[in-house]
Amino acid sequence: KFNLLPHEVTVIGDRADDELIAGKELGMVTVQTLRPGVVKAEG
């Protein structure tokens, strides 16, 4: 929709098994938010 390449997009969220893994598999930059109770996920 926005005519973007994967490396031009950063995905920010807490869920390693949802938005973050989806972004990583597409080649986007991924940022995990370590809010209280969120377990840090490697990778």
PDB file of all heavy atoms in Angstrom:
ATOM      1  N   LYS A   1       0.823  -1.213   0.000  1.00  0.00           N
ATOM      2  CA  LYS A   1       0.000   0.000   0.000  1.00  0.00           C
ATOM      3  C   LYS A   1       0.854   1.259   0.000  1.00  0.00           C
ATOM      4  O   LYS A   1       0.563   2.230  -0.712  1.00  0.00           O
ATOM      5  CB  LYS A   1      -0.933   0.001   1.205  1.00  0.00           C
ATOM      6  CG  LYS A   1      -1.810   1.243   1.305  1.00  0.00           C
ATOM      7  CD  LYS A   1      -2.788   1.155   2.460  1.00  0.00           C
ATOM      8  CE  LYS A   1      -3.680   2.385   2.506  1.00  0.00           C
ATOM      9  NZ  LYS A   1      -4.695   2.295   3.593  1.00  0.00           N
ATOM     10  N   PHE A   2       1.906   1.250   0.807  1.00  0.00           N
ATOM     11  CA  PHE A   2       2.743   2.439   0.948  1.00  0.00           C
ATOM     12  C   PHE A   2       4.031   2.363   0.124  1.00  0.00           C
ATOM     13  O   PHE A   2       4.906   3.215   0.274  1.00  0.00           O
ATOM     14  CB  PHE A   2       3.078   2.661   2.422  1.00  0.00           C
ATOM     15  CG  PHE A   2       1.871   2.980   3.274  1.00  0.00           C
ATOM     16  CD1 PHE A   2       1.492   2.132   4.305  1.00  0.00           C
ATOM     17  CD2 PHE A   2       1.122   4.113   3.038  1.00  0.00           C
ATOM     18  CE1 PHE A   2       0.388   2.410   5.101  1.00  0.00           C
ATOM     19  CE2 PHE A   2       0.007   4.415   3.822  1.00  0.00           C
ATOM     20  CZ  PHE A   2      -0.364   3.561   4.851  1.00  0.00           C
ATOM     21  N   ASN A   3       4.132   1.328  -0.728  1.00  0.00           N
ATOM     22  CA  ASN A   3       5.289   1.174  -1.618  1.00  0.00           C
ATOM     23  C   ASN A   3       6.593   1.160  -0.823  1.00  0.00           C
ATOM     24  O   ASN A   3       7.525   1.939  -1.090  1.00  0.00           O
ATOM     25  CB  ASN A   3       5.311   2.287  -2.659  1.00  0.00           C
ATOM     26  CG  ASN A   3       6.271   1.987  -3.796  1.00  0.00           C
ATOM     27  OD1 ASN A   3       6.540   0.817  -4.115  1.00  0.00           O
ATOM     28  ND2 ASN A   3       6.801   3.025  -4.420  1.00  0.00           N
ATOM     29  N   LEU A   4       6.665   0.267   0.154  1.00  0.00           N
ATOM     30  CA  LEU A   4       7.816   0.179   1.032  1.00  0.00           C
ATOM     31  C   LEU A   4       8.580  -1.118   0.820  1.00  0.00           C
ATOM     32  O   LEU A   4       8.007  -2.139   0.452  1.00  0.00           O
ATOM     33  CB  LEU A   4       7.359   0.227   2.501  1.00  0.00           C
ATOM     34  CG  LEU A   4       6.652   1.500   2.964  1.00  0.00           C
ATOM     35  CD1 LEU A   4       5.984   1.271   4.305  1.00  0.00           C
ATOM     36  CD2 LEU A   4       7.642   2.659   3.038  1.00  0.00           C
ATOM     37  N   LEU A   5       9.888  -1.065   1.052  1.00  0.00           N
ATOM     38  CA  LEU A   5      10.722  -2.256   1.074  1.00  0.00           C
ATOM     39  C   LEU A   5      10.861  -2.729   2.528  1.00  0.00           C
ATOM     40  O   LEU A   5      10.738  -1.920   3.456  1.00  0.00           O
ATOM     41  CB  LEU A   5      12.095  -1.957   0.488  1.00  0.00           C
ATOM     42  CG  LEU A   5      12.113  -1.544  -0.983  1.00  0.00           C
ATOM     43  CD1 LEU A   5      13.515  -1.114  -1.390  1.00  0.00           C
ATOM     44  CD2 LEU A   5      11.611  -2.683  -1.861  1.00  0.00           C
ATOM     45  N   PRO A   6      11.122  -4.012   2.740  1.00  0.00           N
ATOM     46  CA  PRO A   6      11.185  -4.518   4.124  1.00  0.00           C
ATOM     47  C   PRO A   6      12.139  -3.746   5.031  1.00  0.00           C
ATOM     48  O   PRO A   6      11.805  -3.455   6.191  1.00  0.00           O
ATOM     49  CB  PRO A   6      11.654  -5.966   3.935  1.00  0.00           C
ATOM     50  CG  PRO A   6      11.116  -6.355   2.599  1.00  0.00           C
ATOM     51  CD  PRO A   6      11.253  -5.117   1.763  1.00  0.00           C
ATOM     52  N   HIS A   7      13.330  -3.387   4.524  1.00  0.00           N
ATOM     53  CA  HIS A   7      14.302  -2.705   5.385  1.00  0.00           C
ATOM     54  C   HIS A   7      13.883  -1.276   5.718  1.00  0.00           C
ATOM     55  O   HIS A   7      14.511  -0.621   6.561  1.00  0.00           O
ATOM     56  CB  HIS A   7      15.690  -2.694   4.718  1.00  0.00           C
ATOM     57  CG  HIS A   7      15.784  -1.810   3.516  1.00  0.00           C
ATOM     58  ND1 HIS A   7      15.470  -2.239   2.249  1.00  0.00           N
ATOM     59  CD2 HIS A   7      16.152  -0.505   3.395  1.00  0.00           C
ATOM     60  CE1 HIS A   7      15.648  -1.258   1.390  1.00  0.00           C
ATOM     61  NE2 HIS A   7      16.053  -0.191   2.063  1.00  0.00           N
ATOM     62  N   GLU A   8      12.811  -0.794   5.086  1.00  0.00           N
ATOM     63  CA  GLU A   8      12.304   0.550   5.369  1.00  0.00           C
ATOM     64  C   GLU A   8      11.211   0.536   6.437  1.00  0.00           C
ATOM     65  O   GLU A   8      10.649   1.574   6.758  1.00  0.00           O
ATOM     66  CB  GLU A   8      11.744   1.172   4.085  1.00  0.00           C
ATOM     67  CG  GLU A   8      12.796   1.381   3.004  1.00  0.00           C
ATOM     68  CD  GLU A   8      12.217   1.859   1.701  1.00  0.00           C
ATOM     69  OE1 GLU A   8      11.078   1.449   1.353  1.00  0.00           O
ATOM     70  OE2 GLU A   8      12.893   2.643   1.001  1.00  0.00           O
ATOM     71  N   VAL A   9      10.950  -0.631   6.991  1.00  0.00           N
ATOM     72  CA  VAL A   9       9.860  -0.793   7.958  1.00  0.00           C
ATOM     73  C   VAL A   9      10.418  -1.341   9.274  1.00  0.00           C
ATOM     74  O   VAL A   9      11.222  -2.278   9.284  1.00  0.00           O
ATOM     75  CB  VAL A   9       8.787  -1.761   7.421  1.00  0.00           C
ATOM     76  CG1 VAL A   9       7.654  -1.914   8.435  1.00  0.00           C
ATOM     77  CG2 VAL A   9       8.247  -1.281   6.078  1.00  0.00           C
ATOM     78  N   THR A  10       9.967  -0.786  10.388  1.00  0.00           N
ATOM     79  CA  THR A  10      10.302  -1.298  11.711  1.00  0.00           C
ATOM     80  C   THR A  10       9.024  -1.745  12.405  1.00  0.00           C
ATOM     81  O   THR A  10       8.042  -0.991  12.463  1.00  0.00           O
ATOM     82  CB  THR A  10      11.001  -0.229  12.572  1.00  0.00           C
ATOM     83  OG1 THR A  10      12.247   0.113  11.973  1.00  0.00           O
ATOM     84  CG2 THR A  10      11.256  -0.740  13.985  1.00  0.00           C
ATOM     85  N   VAL A  11       9.034  -2.966  12.899  1.00  0.00           N
ATOM     86  CA  VAL A  11       7.892  -3.516  13.630  1.00  0.00           C
ATOM     87  C   VAL A  11       8.206  -3.465  15.125  1.00  0.00           C
ATOM     88  O   VAL A  11       9.252  -3.958  15.559  1.00  0.00           O
ATOM     89  CB  VAL A  11       7.596  -4.971  13.205  1.00  0.00           C
ATOM     90  CG1 VAL A  11       6.424  -5.529  14.005  1.00  0.00           C
ATOM     91  CG2 VAL A  11       7.295  -5.024  11.715  1.00  0.00           C
ATOM     92  N   ILE A  12       7.283  -2.899  15.895  1.00  0.00           N
ATOM     93  CA  ILE A  12       7.506  -2.693  17.325  1.00  0.00           C
ATOM     94  C   ILE A  12       6.371  -3.339  18.105  1.00  0.00           C
ATOM     95  O   ILE A  12       5.191  -3.014  17.893  1.00  0.00           O
ATOM     96  CB  ILE A  12       7.569  -1.192  17.652  1.00  0.00           C
ATOM     97  CG1 ILE A  12       8.652  -0.521  16.802  1.00  0.00           C
ATOM     98  CG2 ILE A  12       7.816  -0.962  19.142  1.00  0.00           C
ATOM     99  CD1 ILE A  12       8.452   0.955  16.631  1.00  0.00           C
ATOM    100  N   GLY A  13       6.708  -4.275  18.979  1.00  0.00           N
ATOM    101  CA  GLY A  13       5.667  -4.948  19.762  1.00  0.00           C
ATOM    102  C   GLY A  13       6.281  -5.865  20.799  1.00  0.00           C
ATOM    103  O   GLY A  13       7.507  -6.003  20.898  1.00  0.00           O
ATOM    104  N   ASP A  14       5.427  -6.539  21.554  1.00  0.00           N
ATOM    105  CA  ASP A  14       5.907  -7.420  22.629  1.00  0.00           C
ATOM    106  C   ASP A  14       5.893  -8.891  22.252  1.00  0.00           C
ATOM    107  O   ASP A  14       6.625  -9.689  22.821  1.00  0.00           O
ATOM    108  CB  ASP A  14       5.055  -7.229  23.888  1.00  0.00           C
ATOM    109  CG  ASP A  14       3.610  -7.680  23.664  1.00  0.00           C
ATOM    110  OD1 ASP A  14       2.948  -7.128  22.770  1.00  0.00           O
ATOM    111  OD2 ASP A  14       3.154  -8.602  24.366  1.00  0.00           O
ATOM    112  N   ARG A  15       5.058  -9.261  21.271  1.00  0.00           N
ATOM    113  CA  ARG A  15       4.818 -10.666  20.991  1.00  0.00           C
ATOM    114  C   ARG A  15       5.844 -11.261  20.032  1.00  0.00           C
ATOM    115  O   ARG A  15       5.836 -10.992  18.835  1.00  0.00           O
ATOM    116  CB  ARG A  15       3.417 -10.863  20.394  1.00  0.00           C
ATOM    117  CG  ARG A  15       2.266 -10.559  21.327  1.00  0.00           C
ATOM    118  CD  ARG A  15       2.008 -11.719  22.281  1.00  0.00           C
ATOM    119  NE  ARG A  15       1.714 -12.949  21.570  1.00  0.00           N
ATOM    120  CZ  ARG A  15       0.517 -13.257  21.087  1.00  0.00           C
ATOM    121  NH1 ARG A  15      -0.494 -12.434  21.215  1.00  0.00           N
ATOM    122  NH2 ARG A  15       0.340 -14.420  20.468  1.00  0.00           N
ATOM    123  N   ALA A  16       6.709 -12.119  20.577  1.00  0.00           N
ATOM    124  CA  ALA A  16       7.708 -12.785  19.741  1.00  0.00           C
ATOM    125  C   ALA A  16       7.058 -13.726  18.741  1.00  0.00           C
ATOM    126  O   ALA A  16       7.587 -13.936  17.638  1.00  0.00           O
ATOM    127  CB  ALA A  16       8.692 -13.552  20.619  1.00  0.00           C
ATOM    128  N   ASP A  17       5.917 -14.305  19.106  1.00  0.00           N
ATOM    129  CA  ASP A  17       5.259 -15.299  18.264  1.00  0.00           C
ATOM    130  C   ASP A  17       4.228 -14.697  17.327  1.00  0.00           C
ATOM    131  O   ASP A  17       3.498 -15.415  16.657  1.00  0.00           O
ATOM    132  CB  ASP A  17       4.595 -16.369  19.139  1.00  0.00           C
ATOM    133  CG  ASP A  17       3.520 -15.785  20.052  1.00  0.00           C
ATOM    134  OD1 ASP A  17       3.500 -14.548  20.262  1.00  0.00           O
ATOM    135  OD2 ASP A  17       2.688 -16.563  20.564  1.00  0.00           O
ATOM    136  N   ASP A  18       4.168 -13.381  17.248  1.00  0.00           N
ATOM    137  CA  ASP A  18       3.138 -12.746  16.422  1.00  0.00           C
ATOM    138  C   ASP A  18       3.766 -11.688  15.516  1.00  0.00           C
ATOM    139  O   ASP A  18       4.369 -12.023  14.502  1.00  0.00           O
ATOM    140  CB  ASP A  18       2.054 -12.157  17.330  1.00  0.00           C
ATOM    141  CG  ASP A  18       0.798 -11.773  16.575  1.00  0.00           C
ATOM    142  OD1 ASP A  18       0.609 -12.245  15.440  1.00  0.00           O
ATOM    143  OD2 ASP A  18      -0.021 -11.007  17.129  1.00  0.00           O
ATOM    144  N   GLU A  19       3.626 -10.417  15.881  1.00  0.00           N
ATOM    145  CA  GLU A  19       4.099  -9.363  14.994  1.00  0.00           C
ATOM    146  C   GLU A  19       5.612  -9.383  14.787  1.00  0.00           C
ATOM    147  O   GLU A  19       6.098  -9.099  13.686  1.00  0.00           O
ATOM    148  CB  GLU A  19       3.665  -7.976  15.498  1.00  0.00           C
ATOM    149  CG  GLU A  19       4.247  -7.543  16.831  1.00  0.00           C
ATOM    150  CD  GLU A  19       3.454  -8.020  18.024  1.00  0.00           C
ATOM    151  OE1 GLU A  19       2.359  -8.595  17.830  1.00  0.00           O
ATOM    152  OE2 GLU A  19       3.927  -7.806  19.145  1.00  0.00           O
ATOM    153  N   LEU A  20       6.366  -9.743  15.821  1.00  0.00           N
ATOM    154  CA  LEU A  20       7.821  -9.701  15.700  1.00  0.00           C
ATOM    155  C   LEU A  20       8.365 -10.782  14.773  1.00  0.00           C
ATOM    156  O   LEU A  20       9.211 -10.509  13.914  1.00  0.00           O
ATOM    157  CB  LEU A  20       8.468  -9.801  17.081  1.00  0.00           C
ATOM    158  CG  LEU A  20       8.234  -8.595  18.002  1.00  0.00           C
ATOM    159  CD1 LEU A  20       8.813  -8.857  19.384  1.00  0.00           C
ATOM    160  CD2 LEU A  20       8.823  -7.323  17.401  1.00  0.00           C
ATOM    161  N   ILE A  21       7.896 -12.007  14.919  1.00  0.00           N
ATOM    162  CA  ILE A  21       8.382 -13.066  14.038  1.00  0.00           C
ATOM    163  C   ILE A  21       7.930 -12.824  12.605  1.00  0.00           C
ATOM    164  O   ILE A  21       8.658 -13.114  11.650  1.00  0.00           O
ATOM    165  CB  ILE A  21       7.930 -14.468  14.537  1.00  0.00           C
ATOM    166  CG1 ILE A  21       8.645 -15.563  13.755  1.00  0.00           C
ATOM    167  CG2 ILE A  21       6.426 -14.629  14.447  1.00  0.00           C
ATOM    168  CD1 ILE A  21      10.142 -15.573  13.910  1.00  0.00           C
ATOM    169  N   ALA A  22       6.726 -12.275  12.438  1.00  0.00           N
ATOM    170  CA  ALA A  22       6.242 -11.953  11.093  1.00  0.00           C
ATOM    171  C   ALA A  22       7.144 -10.907  10.438  1.00  0.00           C
ATOM    172  O   ALA A  22       7.535 -11.032   9.275  1.00  0.00           O
ATOM    173  CB  ALA A  22       4.802 -11.454  11.148  1.00  0.00           C
ATOM    174  N   GLY A  23       7.486  -9.865  11.201  1.00  0.00           N
ATOM    175  CA  GLY A  23       8.366  -8.836  10.669  1.00  0.00           C
ATOM    176  C   GLY A  23       9.748  -9.366  10.355  1.00  0.00           C
ATOM    177  O   GLY A  23      10.333  -9.031   9.319  1.00  0.00           O
ATOM    178  N   LYS A  24      10.276 -10.198  11.232  1.00  0.00           N
ATOM    179  CA  LYS A  24      11.617 -10.748  11.028  1.00  0.00           C
ATOM    180  C   LYS A  24      11.667 -11.612   9.770  1.00  0.00           C
ATOM    181  O   LYS A  24      12.613 -11.536   8.976  1.00  0.00           O
ATOM    182  CB  LYS A  24      12.034 -11.569  12.241  1.00  0.00           C
ATOM    183  CG  LYS A  24      13.455 -12.119  12.159  1.00  0.00           C
ATOM    184  CD  LYS A  24      13.851 -12.820  13.434  1.00  0.00           C
ATOM    185  CE  LYS A  24      15.284 -13.363  13.352  1.00  0.00           C
ATOM    186  NZ  LYS A  24      16.263 -12.275  13.171  1.00  0.00           N
ATOM    187  N   GLU A  25      10.649 -12.453   9.582  1.00  0.00           N
ATOM    188  CA  GLU A  25      10.622 -13.327   8.413  1.00  0.00           C
ATOM    189  C   GLU A  25      10.516 -12.544   7.110  1.00  0.00           C
ATOM    190  O   GLU A  25      10.938 -13.020   6.056  1.00  0.00           O
ATOM    191  CB  GLU A  25       9.462 -14.323   8.537  1.00  0.00           C
ATOM    192  CG  GLU A  25       9.690 -15.368   9.626  1.00  0.00           C
ATOM    193  CD  GLU A  25       8.507 -16.297   9.803  1.00  0.00           C
ATOM    194  OE1 GLU A  25       7.444 -16.046   9.178  1.00  0.00           O
ATOM    195  OE2 GLU A  25       8.632 -17.269  10.575  1.00  0.00           O
ATOM    196  N   LEU A  26       9.973 -11.346   7.185  1.00  0.00           N
ATOM    197  CA  LEU A  26       9.848 -10.505   5.994  1.00  0.00           C
ATOM    198  C   LEU A  26      11.082  -9.633   5.768  1.00  0.00           C
ATOM    199  O   LEU A  26      11.178  -8.944   4.755  1.00  0.00           O
ATOM    200  CB  LEU A  26       8.606  -9.623   6.111  1.00  0.00           C
ATOM    201  CG  LEU A  26       7.264 -10.341   5.997  1.00  0.00           C
ATOM    202  CD1 LEU A  26       6.120  -9.405   6.381  1.00  0.00           C
ATOM    203  CD2 LEU A  26       7.051 -10.873   4.579  1.00  0.00           C
ATOM    204  N   GLY A  27      12.019  -9.646   6.714  1.00  0.00           N
ATOM    205  CA  GLY A  27      13.225  -8.839   6.565  1.00  0.00           C
ATOM    206  C   GLY A  27      13.098  -7.433   7.117  1.00  0.00           C
ATOM    207  O   GLY A  27      13.928  -6.561   6.818  1.00  0.00           O
ATOM    208  N   MET A  28      12.078  -7.191   7.942  1.00  0.00           N
ATOM    209  CA  MET A  28      11.906  -5.880   8.561  1.00  0.00           C
ATOM    210  C   MET A  28      12.764  -5.770   9.821  1.00  0.00           C
ATOM    211  O   MET A  28      13.217  -6.767  10.370  1.00  0.00           O
ATOM    212  CB  MET A  28      10.430  -5.678   8.930  1.00  0.00           C
ATOM    213  CG  MET A  28       9.491  -5.691   7.742  1.00  0.00           C
ATOM    214  SD  MET A  28       7.749  -5.605   8.277  1.00  0.00           S
ATOM    215  CE  MET A  28       6.936  -5.450   6.684  1.00  0.00           C
ATOM    216  N   VAL A  29      12.985  -4.552  10.275  1.00  0.00           N
ATOM    217  CA  VAL A  29      13.655  -4.324  11.552  1.00  0.00           C
ATOM    218  C   VAL A  29      12.656  -4.628  12.665  1.00  0.00           C
ATOM    219  O   VAL A  29      11.480  -4.251  12.585  1.00  0.00           O
ATOM    220  CB  VAL A  29      14.150  -2.870  11.672  1.00  0.00           C
ATOM    221  CG1 VAL A  29      14.813  -2.633  13.024  1.00  0.00           C
ATOM    222  CG2 VAL A  29      15.116  -2.544  10.535  1.00  0.00           C
ATOM    223  N   THR A  30      13.098  -5.320  13.706  1.00  0.00           N
ATOM    224  CA  THR A  30      12.196  -5.712  14.784  1.00  0.00           C
ATOM    225  C   THR A  30      12.662  -5.160  16.121  1.00  0.00           C
ATOM    226  O   THR A  30      13.852  -5.196  16.450  1.00  0.00           O
ATOM    227  CB  THR A  30      12.085  -7.245  14.882  1.00  0.00           C
ATOM    228  OG1 THR A  30      13.406  -7.812  14.940  1.00  0.00           O
ATOM    229  CG2 THR A  30      11.362  -7.800  13.659  1.00  0.00           C
ATOM    230  N   VAL A  31      11.699  -4.646  16.895  1.00  0.00           N
ATOM    231  CA  VAL A  31      11.980  -4.069  18.210  1.00  0.00           C
ATOM    232  C   VAL A  31      10.992  -4.657  19.211  1.00  0.00           C
ATOM    233  O   VAL A  31       9.778  -4.470  19.078  1.00  0.00           O
ATOM    234  CB  VAL A  31      11.838  -2.529  18.194  1.00  0.00           C
ATOM    235  CG1 VAL A  31      12.132  -1.959  19.583  1.00  0.00           C
ATOM    236  CG2 VAL A  31      12.751  -1.904  17.148  1.00  0.00           C
ATOM    237  N   GLN A  32      11.500  -5.364  20.201  1.00  0.00           N
ATOM    238  CA  GLN A  32      10.620  -5.911  21.234  1.00  0.00           C
ATOM    239  C   GLN A  32      10.520  -4.944  22.407  1.00  0.00           C
ATOM    240  O   GLN A  32      11.526  -4.486  22.948  1.00  0.00           O
ATOM    241  CB  GLN A  32      11.117  -7.265  21.743  1.00  0.00           C
ATOM    242  CG  GLN A  32      10.122  -7.919  22.706  1.00  0.00           C
ATOM    243  CD  GLN A  32      10.588  -9.256  23.242  1.00  0.00           C
ATOM    244  OE1 GLN A  32      11.786  -9.523  23.330  1.00  0.00           O
ATOM    245  NE2 GLN A  32       9.639 -10.100  23.617  1.00  0.00           N
ATOM    246  N   THR A  33       9.287  -4.636  22.794  1.00  0.00           N
ATOM    247  CA  THR A  33       9.048  -3.780  23.953  1.00  0.00           C
ATOM    248  C   THR A  33       9.002  -4.644  25.207  1.00  0.00           C
ATOM    249  O   THR A  33       8.136  -5.508  25.342  1.00  0.00           O
ATOM    250  CB  THR A  33       7.722  -3.010  23.807  1.00  0.00           C
ATOM    251  OG1 THR A  33       6.661  -3.933  23.506  1.00  0.00           O
ATOM    252  CG2 THR A  33       7.806  -1.989  22.692  1.00  0.00           C
ATOM    253  N   LEU A  34       9.910  -4.416  26.103  1.00  0.00           N
ATOM    254  CA  LEU A  34      10.018  -5.229  27.321  1.00  0.00           C
ATOM    255  C   LEU A  34       9.228  -4.589  28.455  1.00  0.00           C
ATOM    256  O   LEU A  34       9.787  -4.115  29.452  1.00  0.00           O
ATOM    257  CB  LEU A  34      11.490  -5.400  27.693  1.00  0.00           C
ATOM    258  CG  LEU A  34      12.356  -6.079  26.624  1.00  0.00           C
ATOM    259  CD1 LEU A  34      13.799  -6.143  27.083  1.00  0.00           C
ATOM    260  CD2 LEU A  34      11.830  -7.481  26.311  1.00  0.00           C
ATOM    261  N   ARG A  35       7.915  -4.605  28.283  1.00  0.00           N
ATOM    262  CA  ARG A  35       7.031  -4.094  29.331  1.00  0.00           C
ATOM    263  C   ARG A  35       7.016  -5.082  30.504  1.00  0.00           C
ATOM    264  O   ARG A  35       7.437  -6.241  30.356  1.00  0.00           O
ATOM    265  CB  ARG A  35       5.619  -3.908  28.781  1.00  0.00           C
ATOM    266  CG  ARG A  35       5.505  -2.940  27.617  1.00  0.00           C
ATOM    267  CD  ARG A  35       5.957  -1.538  27.982  1.00  0.00           C
ATOM    268  NE  ARG A  35       5.638  -0.572  26.931  1.00  0.00           N
ATOM    269  CZ  ARG A  35       5.989   0.706  26.974  1.00  0.00           C
ATOM    270  NH1 ARG A  35       6.693   1.172  27.998  1.00  0.00           N
ATOM    271  NH2 ARG A  35       5.658   1.520  25.982  1.00  0.00           N
ATOM    272  N   PRO A  36       6.547  -4.648  31.669  1.00  0.00           N
ATOM    273  CA  PRO A  36       6.475  -5.561  32.813  1.00  0.00           C
ATOM    274  C   PRO A  36       5.747  -6.855  32.462  1.00  0.00           C
ATOM    275  O   PRO A  36       4.651  -6.825  31.899  1.00  0.00           O
ATOM    276  CB  PRO A  36       5.697  -4.745  33.855  1.00  0.00           C
ATOM    277  CG  PRO A  36       6.040  -3.328  33.530  1.00  0.00           C
ATOM    278  CD  PRO A  36       6.122  -3.275  32.034  1.00  0.00           C
ATOM    279  N   GLY A  37       6.381  -7.976  32.737  1.00  0.00           N
ATOM    280  CA  GLY A  37       5.777  -9.270  32.449  1.00  0.00           C
ATOM    281  C   GLY A  37       6.131  -9.842  31.103  1.00  0.00           C
ATOM    282  O   GLY A  37       5.848 -11.012  30.829  1.00  0.00           O
ATOM    283  N   VAL A  38       6.745  -9.050  30.233  1.00  0.00           N
ATOM    284  CA  VAL A  38       7.134  -9.527  28.909  1.00  0.00           C
ATOM    285  C   VAL A  38       8.497 -10.204  28.996  1.00  0.00           C
ATOM    286  O   VAL A  38       9.452  -9.630  29.534  1.00  0.00           O
ATOM    287  CB  VAL A  38       7.189  -8.373  27.884  1.00  0.00           C
ATOM    288  CG1 VAL A  38       7.714  -8.873  26.547  1.00  0.00           C
ATOM    289  CG2 VAL A  38       5.811  -7.751  27.712  1.00  0.00           C
ATOM    290  N   VAL A  39       8.585 -11.408  28.476  1.00  0.00           N
ATOM    291  CA  VAL A  39       9.839 -12.161  28.502  1.00  0.00           C
ATOM    292  C   VAL A  39      10.649 -11.837  27.246  1.00  0.00           C
ATOM    293  O   VAL A  39      10.132 -11.908  26.128  1.00  0.00           O
ATOM    294  CB  VAL A  39       9.566 -13.681  28.574  1.00  0.00           C
ATOM    295  CG1 VAL A  39      10.873 -14.464  28.536  1.00  0.00           C
ATOM    296  CG2 VAL A  39       8.773 -14.015  29.838  1.00  0.00           C
ATOM    297  N   LYS A  40      11.897 -11.492  27.431  1.00  0.00           N
ATOM    298  CA  LYS A  40      12.758 -11.180  26.292  1.00  0.00           C
ATOM    299  C   LYS A  40      12.950 -12.424  25.427  1.00  0.00           C
ATOM    300  O   LYS A  40      13.258 -13.504  25.923  1.00  0.00           O
ATOM    301  CB  LYS A  40      14.118 -10.684  26.788  1.00  0.00           C
ATOM    302  CG  LYS A  40      15.063 -10.289  25.660  1.00  0.00           C
ATOM    303  CD  LYS A  40      16.380  -9.755  26.212  1.00  0.00           C
ATOM    304  CE  LYS A  40      17.341  -9.367  25.102  1.00  0.00           C
ATOM    305  NZ  LYS A  40      18.619  -8.835  25.631  1.00  0.00           N
ATOM    306  N   ALA A  41      12.752 -12.253  24.130  1.00  0.00           N
ATOM    307  CA  ALA A  41      12.901 -13.354  23.182  1.00  0.00           C
ATOM    308  C   ALA A  41      14.106 -13.090  22.292  1.00  0.00           C
ATOM    309  O   ALA A  41      14.221 -12.017  21.700  1.00  0.00           O
ATOM    310  CB  ALA A  41      11.636 -13.498  22.335  1.00  0.00           C
ATOM    311  N   GLU A  42      15.005 -14.034  22.228  1.00  0.00           N
ATOM    312  CA  GLU A  42      16.211 -13.846  21.431  1.00  0.00           C
ATOM    313  C   GLU A  42      15.904 -13.843  19.927  1.00  0.00           C
ATOM    314  O   GLU A  42      14.925 -14.426  19.481  1.00  0.00           O
ATOM    315  CB  GLU A  42      17.210 -14.966  21.739  1.00  0.00           C
ATOM    316  CG  GLU A  42      17.672 -15.008  23.192  1.00  0.00           C
ATOM    317  CD  GLU A  42      18.369 -13.739  23.620  1.00  0.00           C
ATOM    318  OE1 GLU A  42      19.049 -13.113  22.776  1.00  0.00           O
ATOM    319  OE2 GLU A  42      18.243 -13.353  24.804  1.00  0.00           O
ATOM    320  N   GLY A  43      16.770 -13.157  19.197  1.00  0.00           N
ATOM    321  CA  GLY A  43      16.676 -13.220  17.741  1.00  0.00           C
ATOM    322  C   GLY A  43      16.155 -11.979  17.066  1.00  0.00           C
ATOM    323  O   GLY A  43      16.100 -11.921  15.831  1.00  0.00           O
TER     324      GLY A  43
END
